[in-house]
Amino acid sequence: MYLNQPAQNSQRKKNIYKKCNECKRKRKTLDESHQICHICHKIKILFKSSGNKVIDDFITHTQRNYIAGRGKLEVVPYDQFKNIEFIAEGGFSKVYKATWADGPINWRDIEGFNWNVTRKKNYPVVLKYLNNSKNITPKELNELKVFYQIFSKNRVHYISTYLGISQDPITKNIMIIMPYYSSGDLSHFLSRRPFWDRIHDTELIIEICDGLRPPIVTNAPEGYIELMKECWNSDPNKRPKATVLSDKMQEIINIERENINPTKIIKSSDIEPIATNNPGAIYKSRPLSGMIQSAMSTRSLRSQSITAEVGKRKFEDNQDKNCFNEDKFIKKIRSIETEENDYIKQEFELDIDINYSKKSIDDERYISQEIDFDI
């Protein structure tokens, strides 16, 4: 595509840096009479409005700012897509494969004074169709905003690219445009999905909160398992950030390249893909707020119940201990009493004349005889 060049070609050399009325940046203008920079001028000519102010404002913001070329987005008419094929469906969106006839623009043509704008024709893309997105809000554009923020920091090697936004002409729902990767999801080919044999319900959420994790693959490069465990930390603040994760993965790759005996990929029946998952295992996106709230409530009640039971057992143990000590105390008292009784008994026995009984009998006989004698 060739843009109509302004009539002031002869004044090209007089271009100066001025504050643009559109982007508010100090950039080169087409000539002294222009109040907008050359980038904003090209954007106005090249790109169409979506009709949605929320989308247009965000798209224009990405186009006007100096970031990596792949960070810039554009609004693409729906009729630009052909050979549309359904791929999969989640709880919030549907995914289609398509061919973008004109293809994405070469953004270097926009940033420079090159008026020959080129595109990558018949470019394979993925269309992420967002359900109920007709009246999209800034909050619902968060996925694209996060992407833009990352690209604005020039950290572009560990995240998928976004190309722009389109709109279904019938439903008016929004579609996010991404490059199509023919290899698909690599995890489907390398191993089993996590918790493939479990029902994905509140009970599983509770167990994960309590520390349940998928099996660890032992045949892994040095440092990989430790990094994986860091990512599984129950405290989100202790998990590595994407930038740190990228750097550590690169370190692992470098070590593997220099290793004389690098890690070998082996086939294992313990981790190979499973043809049939548990019917209750759900791997598509869905609202989880209700399930998480229910799981946390159940977990809290269980925790309270366990705490109460532990408290009850401690109380009973203390009672038993007190009873045991009291019983020992009573036995000790009884023992002392017995000892004292034995001592007193012995004392009494020492004081009593053992011949007293016999003397008494003899005396009685004597007295009796005396009486008989006197009568």
Protein backbone atom coordinates (compact mmCIF):
# COMPACT_ATOMS: atom_id res chain seq x y z
CA MET A 1 0.00 0.00 0.00
CA TYR A 2 1.24 3.46 -0.89
CA LEU A 3 0.08 6.51 1.03
CA ASN A 4 -0.58 9.82 -0.66
CA GLN A 5 2.43 11.92 0.18
CA PRO A 6 1.79 15.50 1.28
CA ALA A 7 2.36 18.28 -1.22
CA GLN A 8 5.10 19.74 0.93
CA ASN A 9 7.77 17.25 -0.21
CA SER A 10 10.14 20.10 -0.92
CA GLN A 11 9.88 21.12 2.71
CA ARG A 12 10.73 17.61 4.01
CA LYS A 13 14.13 18.78 5.12
CA LYS A 14 12.50 21.44 7.26
CA ASN A 15 10.72 18.89 9.46
CA ILE A 16 11.18 19.81 13.07
CA TYR A 17 10.34 18.30 16.45
CA LYS A 18 7.11 19.66 17.86
CA LYS A 19 4.65 18.54 20.50
CA CYS A 20 1.93 16.55 18.74
CA ASN A 21 -1.65 17.62 19.41
CA GLU A 22 -2.79 13.98 19.24
CA CYS A 23 -0.25 11.85 21.16
CA LYS A 24 1.21 14.78 23.15
CA ARG A 25 4.72 13.54 22.37
CA LYS A 26 7.54 15.61 20.92
CA ARG A 27 8.10 14.12 17.47
CA LYS A 28 8.88 15.11 13.93
CA THR A 29 6.00 16.68 12.06
CA LEU A 30 5.40 16.44 8.32
CA ASP A 31 6.13 20.14 8.00
CA GLU A 32 5.86 23.34 9.96
CA SER A 33 2.13 23.74 9.22
CA HIS A 34 1.16 20.35 10.72
CA GLN A 35 0.06 20.16 14.33
CA ILE A 36 0.33 16.37 14.56
CA CYS A 37 3.36 14.13 14.18
CA HIS A 38 4.02 11.91 11.17
CA ILE A 39 3.02 8.75 13.11
CA CYS A 40 -0.40 10.08 14.13
CA HIS A 41 -0.89 11.31 10.55
CA LYS A 42 -0.31 7.81 9.14
CA ILE A 43 -2.54 6.21 11.77
CA LYS A 44 -5.42 8.50 10.85
CA ILE A 45 -5.10 7.54 7.17
CA LEU A 46 -4.46 3.80 7.59
CA PHE A 47 -6.75 2.59 10.34
CA LYS A 48 -10.51 2.50 10.74
CA SER A 49 -12.57 2.95 13.88
CA SER A 50 -14.30 -0.03 15.52
CA GLY A 51 -17.22 2.10 16.58
CA ASN A 52 -16.47 1.32 20.23
CA LYS A 53 -14.73 4.17 22.06
CA VAL A 54 -13.21 1.86 24.70
CA ILE A 55 -11.53 -0.24 22.01
CA ASP A 56 -10.54 2.68 19.79
CA ASP A 57 -8.90 4.60 22.63
CA PHE A 58 -6.83 1.61 23.69
CA ILE A 59 -5.85 0.59 20.15
CA THR A 60 -4.82 4.14 19.26
CA HIS A 61 -2.77 4.34 22.45
CA THR A 62 -0.75 1.25 21.46
CA GLN A 63 -0.22 2.57 17.93
CA ARG A 64 1.06 5.99 18.95
CA ASN A 65 3.62 4.90 21.51
CA TYR A 66 7.17 3.80 20.83
CA ILE A 67 7.23 0.15 21.83
CA ALA A 68 8.25 -3.05 20.09
CA GLY A 69 6.45 -3.41 16.77
CA ARG A 70 4.61 -6.51 17.93
CA GLY A 71 3.10 -4.55 20.80
CA LYS A 72 1.04 -2.39 18.48
CA LEU A 73 -2.54 -3.48 17.79
CA GLU A 74 -5.09 -2.62 15.11
CA VAL A 75 -8.79 -3.01 14.41
CA VAL A 76 -9.36 -5.52 11.60
CA PRO A 77 -12.64 -5.76 9.63
CA TYR A 78 -14.27 -9.18 9.99
CA ASP A 79 -14.45 -9.65 6.21
CA GLN A 80 -10.65 -9.81 6.17
CA PHE A 81 -10.82 -13.37 7.54
CA LYS A 82 -11.38 -16.46 5.40
CA ASN A 83 -11.27 -20.24 5.89
CA ILE A 84 -12.61 -19.88 9.42
CA GLU A 85 -12.52 -23.18 11.35
CA PHE A 86 -13.75 -23.91 14.88
CA ILE A 87 -11.01 -25.28 17.18
CA ALA A 88 -12.26 -25.36 20.77
CA GLU A 89 -14.59 -23.80 23.31
CA GLY A 90 -14.08 -22.64 26.88
CA GLY A 91 -16.31 -21.18 29.53
CA PHE A 92 -15.80 -17.60 28.36
CA SER A 93 -14.76 -17.85 24.73
CA LYS A 94 -14.56 -19.86 21.52
CA VAL A 95 -11.40 -20.30 19.50
CA TYR A 96 -11.24 -20.34 15.69
CA LYS A 97 -8.48 -20.71 13.16
CA ALA A 98 -8.58 -18.37 10.15
CA THR A 99 -6.53 -16.77 7.40
CA TRP A 100 -6.07 -13.00 7.52
CA ALA A 101 -6.13 -11.90 3.88
CA ASP A 102 -4.07 -8.70 4.14
CA GLY A 103 -2.16 -9.83 7.21
CA PRO A 104 -0.49 -7.79 9.96
CA ILE A 105 1.27 -4.56 9.10
CA ASN A 106 5.01 -3.95 9.24
CA TRP A 107 5.07 -1.35 11.99
CA ARG A 108 8.49 -0.07 11.04
CA ASP A 109 6.83 1.44 8.01
CA ILE A 110 4.64 3.48 10.36
CA GLU A 111 7.39 4.68 12.67
CA GLY A 112 9.72 5.87 9.93
CA PHE A 113 9.22 8.23 7.02
CA ASN A 114 8.82 5.30 4.66
CA TRP A 115 5.50 5.81 2.86
CA ASN A 116 5.46 2.29 1.43
CA VAL A 117 3.44 0.31 4.00
CA THR A 118 3.79 -3.48 3.71
CA ARG A 119 1.81 -6.38 5.18
CA LYS A 120 2.21 -10.16 5.53
CA LYS A 121 -0.41 -11.54 3.15
CA ASN A 122 -2.56 -14.62 3.95
CA TYR A 123 -1.35 -14.78 7.52
CA PRO A 124 -2.67 -17.71 9.66
CA VAL A 125 -4.29 -16.46 12.86
CA VAL A 126 -6.37 -17.53 15.84
CA LEU A 127 -9.59 -15.67 16.59
CA LYS A 128 -10.50 -15.72 20.27
CA TYR A 129 -14.24 -15.00 20.28
CA LEU A 130 -15.25 -13.47 23.64
CA ASN A 131 -18.75 -14.42 24.77
CA ASN A 132 -21.06 -11.57 25.80
CA SER A 133 -18.53 -8.90 24.85
CA LYS A 134 -20.79 -6.65 22.79
CA ASN A 135 -20.61 -3.89 25.39
CA ILE A 136 -17.00 -4.44 26.41
CA THR A 137 -15.59 -2.35 29.26
CA PRO A 138 -12.00 -1.26 30.03
CA LYS A 139 -11.86 -3.97 32.72
CA GLU A 140 -12.62 -6.68 30.15
CA LEU A 141 -9.68 -5.48 28.05
CA ASN A 142 -7.33 -6.41 30.89
CA GLU A 143 -5.80 -9.32 28.94
CA LEU A 144 -4.66 -6.97 26.18
CA LYS A 145 -3.56 -4.29 28.63
CA VAL A 146 -1.30 -6.75 30.47
CA PHE A 147 0.15 -7.82 27.12
CA TYR A 148 0.82 -4.21 26.15
CA GLN A 149 2.50 -3.40 29.47
CA ILE A 150 4.87 -6.35 29.05
CA PHE A 151 5.77 -5.37 25.50
CA SER A 152 6.31 -1.76 26.54
CA LYS A 153 9.17 -3.03 28.73
CA ASN A 154 10.67 -4.88 25.76
CA ARG A 155 10.36 -8.28 27.43
CA VAL A 156 8.88 -10.01 24.42
CA HIS A 157 10.44 -13.47 24.24
CA TYR A 158 8.33 -15.37 26.75
CA ILE A 159 4.77 -14.37 25.84
CA SER A 160 2.43 -14.94 22.91
CA THR A 161 1.81 -12.10 20.49
CA TYR A 162 -1.47 -10.23 20.02
CA LEU A 163 -2.18 -8.60 16.68
CA GLY A 164 -5.42 -6.74 17.13
CA ILE A 165 -9.19 -6.84 17.57
CA SER A 166 -12.11 -7.66 15.28
CA GLN A 167 -15.87 -7.79 15.75
CA ASP A 168 -18.53 -10.26 14.73
CA PRO A 169 -20.88 -8.33 12.38
CA ILE A 170 -23.97 -10.20 13.65
CA THR A 171 -23.49 -10.59 17.42
CA LYS A 172 -21.17 -7.57 17.76
CA ASN A 173 -19.02 -9.65 20.12
CA ILE A 174 -15.29 -8.93 20.21
CA MET A 175 -12.56 -11.20 18.82
CA ILE A 176 -8.90 -11.01 19.82
CA ILE A 177 -6.47 -11.78 16.98
CA MET A 178 -3.36 -13.88 17.68
CA PRO A 179 -0.82 -15.74 15.51
CA TYR A 180 -1.65 -19.38 14.86
CA TYR A 181 0.90 -21.93 16.10
CA SER A 182 0.44 -25.19 14.23
CA SER A 183 2.18 -27.23 16.94
CA GLY A 184 -0.74 -26.62 19.29
CA ASP A 185 -0.48 -27.16 23.04
CA LEU A 186 2.78 -29.00 23.68
CA SER A 187 1.58 -30.28 27.06
CA HIS A 188 -0.97 -32.47 25.27
CA PHE A 189 1.83 -34.39 23.59
CA LEU A 190 4.39 -34.64 26.39
CA SER A 191 2.47 -35.76 29.45
CA ARG A 192 -0.83 -36.31 31.17
CA ARG A 193 -2.95 -33.39 32.20
CA PRO A 194 -2.87 -32.64 35.93
CA PHE A 195 -5.43 -34.52 38.02
CA TRP A 196 -6.77 -36.34 34.96
CA ASP A 197 -8.19 -39.11 37.19
CA ARG A 198 -10.02 -36.80 39.60
CA ILE A 199 -13.33 -34.98 39.61
CA HIS A 200 -12.56 -31.26 39.44
CA ASP A 201 -14.78 -30.14 42.30
CA THR A 202 -14.55 -28.27 45.60
CA GLU A 203 -12.91 -31.27 47.26
CA LEU A 204 -10.00 -31.05 44.81
CA ILE A 205 -9.69 -27.31 45.46
CA ILE A 206 -9.45 -27.98 49.21
CA GLU A 207 -6.78 -30.65 48.70
CA ILE A 208 -4.75 -28.33 46.44
CA CYS A 209 -4.96 -25.61 49.11
CA ASP A 210 -3.71 -28.20 51.61
CA GLY A 211 -0.67 -28.99 49.46
CA LEU A 212 -1.77 -31.52 46.82
CA ARG A 213 0.31 -31.27 43.63
CA PRO A 214 0.64 -33.34 40.41
CA PRO A 215 3.35 -36.03 40.30
CA ILE A 216 6.85 -34.71 39.65
CA VAL A 217 8.72 -35.95 36.60
CA THR A 218 12.07 -37.20 37.87
CA ASN A 219 13.83 -37.29 34.50
CA ALA A 220 14.29 -33.53 34.17
CA PRO A 221 17.23 -31.16 33.61
CA GLU A 222 19.12 -29.91 36.65
CA GLY A 223 17.28 -27.09 38.39
CA TYR A 224 13.97 -27.68 36.62
CA ILE A 225 12.23 -29.58 39.44
CA GLU A 226 13.26 -26.97 42.01
CA LEU A 227 11.93 -24.22 39.74
CA MET A 228 8.67 -26.10 39.25
CA LYS A 229 8.22 -26.41 43.02
CA GLU A 230 8.80 -22.67 43.38
CA CYS A 231 5.96 -22.07 40.93
CA TRP A 232 3.75 -24.35 43.05
CA ASN A 233 4.30 -22.39 46.26
CA SER A 234 1.03 -21.90 48.14
CA ASP A 235 2.03 -18.27 48.77
CA PRO A 236 1.67 -16.36 45.45
CA ASN A 237 4.21 -13.77 46.62
CA LYS A 238 6.89 -16.47 46.81
CA ARG A 239 6.34 -17.70 43.25
CA PRO A 240 8.85 -16.45 40.63
CA LYS A 241 7.72 -13.63 38.36
CA ALA A 242 7.55 -14.23 34.61
CA THR A 243 10.78 -12.32 34.01
CA VAL A 244 12.64 -14.33 36.67
CA LEU A 245 11.13 -17.55 35.35
CA SER A 246 12.31 -16.72 31.84
CA ASP A 247 15.86 -16.02 33.04
CA LYS A 248 16.04 -19.23 35.08
CA MET A 249 14.72 -21.31 32.19
CA GLN A 250 17.40 -19.82 29.96
CA GLU A 251 20.04 -20.76 32.54
CA ILE A 252 18.76 -24.36 32.54
CA ILE A 253 18.86 -24.43 28.73
CA ASN A 254 22.43 -23.09 28.71
CA ILE A 255 23.56 -25.72 31.23
CA GLU A 256 21.95 -28.47 29.15
CA ARG A 257 23.73 -27.27 26.03
CA GLU A 258 27.10 -27.37 27.78
CA ASN A 259 26.41 -30.68 29.52
CA ILE A 260 28.37 -33.65 28.17
CA ASN A 261 25.52 -35.97 29.15
CA PRO A 262 22.36 -33.89 28.64
CA THR A 263 18.99 -35.05 29.93
CA LYS A 264 17.36 -37.55 27.59
CA ILE A 265 13.66 -37.65 26.85
CA ILE A 266 12.38 -41.14 27.61
CA LYS A 267 8.97 -42.72 27.17
CA SER A 268 7.29 -43.48 30.48
CA SER A 269 3.97 -45.17 31.16
CA ASP A 270 3.67 -43.08 34.33
CA ILE A 271 3.32 -39.76 32.50
CA GLU A 272 2.29 -40.57 28.93
CA PRO A 273 -0.98 -39.00 27.72
CA ILE A 274 -4.23 -40.71 28.72
CA ALA A 275 -6.88 -41.27 26.07
CA THR A 276 -9.79 -41.09 28.53
CA ASN A 277 -9.95 -38.72 31.49
CA ASN A 278 -12.31 -38.83 34.45
CA PRO A 279 -15.72 -37.56 33.22
CA GLY A 280 -15.60 -34.98 36.00
CA ALA A 281 -12.20 -33.62 34.93
CA ILE A 282 -12.87 -30.27 33.23
CA TYR A 283 -10.08 -28.54 31.32
CA LYS A 284 -11.93 -25.58 29.84
CA SER A 285 -12.26 -22.20 31.48
CA ARG A 286 -15.32 -21.65 33.67
CA PRO A 287 -16.39 -19.36 36.53
CA LEU A 288 -14.65 -20.62 39.67
CA SER A 289 -15.53 -17.90 42.19
CA GLY A 290 -18.53 -19.83 43.52
CA MET A 291 -16.59 -23.11 43.77
CA ILE A 292 -13.62 -21.44 45.47
CA GLN A 293 -15.89 -19.67 47.94
CA SER A 294 -17.66 -22.95 48.72
CA ALA A 295 -14.33 -24.76 49.09
CA MET A 296 -12.93 -22.10 51.42
CA SER A 297 -16.10 -22.17 53.51
CA THR A 298 -15.96 -25.97 53.80
CA ARG A 299 -12.24 -25.86 54.57
CA SER A 300 -12.81 -23.24 57.27
CA LEU A 301 -15.59 -25.29 58.89
CA ARG A 302 -13.38 -28.38 58.84
CA SER A 303 -10.54 -26.41 60.38
CA GLN A 304 -12.84 -25.13 63.12
CA SER A 305 -14.14 -28.66 63.71
CA ILE A 306 -10.59 -30.02 63.94
CA THR A 307 -9.59 -27.20 66.29
CA ALA A 308 -12.61 -27.90 68.49
CA GLU A 309 -11.86 -31.63 68.49
CA VAL A 310 -8.22 -31.01 69.40
CA GLY A 311 -9.34 -28.67 72.18
CA LYS A 312 -11.78 -31.27 73.44
CA ARG A 313 -9.11 -33.96 73.45
CA LYS A 314 -6.69 -31.69 75.31
CA PHE A 315 -9.39 -30.96 77.87
CA GLU A 316 -10.17 -34.66 78.28
CA ASP A 317 -6.47 -35.47 78.52
CA ASN A 318 -6.07 -32.83 81.23
CA GLN A 319 -9.12 -34.19 83.02
CA ASP A 320 -7.71 -37.71 82.84
CA LYS A 321 -4.38 -36.43 84.04
CA ASN A 322 -6.03 -34.58 86.91
CA CYS A 323 -8.08 -37.65 87.79
CA PHE A 324 -4.95 -39.77 87.66
CA ASN A 325 -3.10 -37.32 89.90
CA GLU A 326 -6.09 -37.11 92.23
CA ASP A 327 -6.29 -40.90 92.39
CA LYS A 328 -2.58 -41.07 93.15
CA PHE A 329 -3.08 -38.44 95.84
CA ILE A 330 -5.95 -40.38 97.43
CA LYS A 331 -3.95 -43.59 97.30
CA LYS A 332 -1.02 -41.78 98.91
CA ILE A 333 -3.26 -40.48 101.70
CA ARG A 334 -4.69 -43.94 102.24
CA SER A 335 -1.19 -45.34 102.30
CA ILE A 336 -0.18 -42.78 104.89
CA GLU A 337 -3.31 -43.51 106.92
CA THR A 338 -2.58 -47.22 106.75
CA GLU A 339 0.98 -46.64 107.86
CA GLU A 340 -0.20 -44.41 110.70
CA ASN A 341 -2.82 -46.95 111.76
CA ASP A 342 -0.22 -49.66 111.78
CA TYR A 343 2.03 -47.45 113.86
CA ILE A 344 -0.76 -46.60 116.33
CA LYS A 345 -1.74 -50.23 116.52
CA GLN A 346 1.82 -51.16 117.34
CA GLU A 347 1.92 -48.44 119.99
CA PHE A 348 -1.27 -49.74 121.54
CA GLU A 349 0.03 -53.27 121.56
CA LEU A 350 3.16 -52.11 123.38
CA ASP A 351 1.08 -50.40 126.13
CA ILE A 352 -1.29 -53.30 126.76
CA ASP A 353 -0.28 -56.00 129.32
CA ILE A 354 -0.69 -59.23 127.49
CA ASN A 355 -1.14 -61.07 130.84
CA TYR A 356 -3.99 -58.75 131.75
CA SER A 357 -6.63 -61.17 130.60
CA LYS A 358 -5.18 -64.09 132.45
CA LYS A 359 -4.79 -62.05 135.65
CA SER A 360 -8.35 -60.94 135.43
CA ILE A 361 -9.58 -64.49 135.23
CA ASP A 362 -7.41 -65.60 138.16
CA ASP A 363 -8.58 -62.62 140.19
CA GLU A 364 -12.20 -63.47 139.48
CA ARG A 365 -11.58 -67.02 140.66
CA TYR A 366 -9.81 -65.76 143.69
CA ILE A 367 -12.59 -63.37 144.58
CA SER A 368 -15.14 -66.07 144.01
CA GLN A 369 -13.31 -68.45 146.31
CA GLU A 370 -13.05 -65.76 148.96
CA ILE A 371 -16.76 -65.13 148.80
CA ASP A 372 -17.54 -68.83 149.03
CA PHE A 373 -15.29 -69.17 151.93
CA ASP A 374 -16.93 -66.38 153.92
CA ILE A 375 -20.49 -67.63 153.53
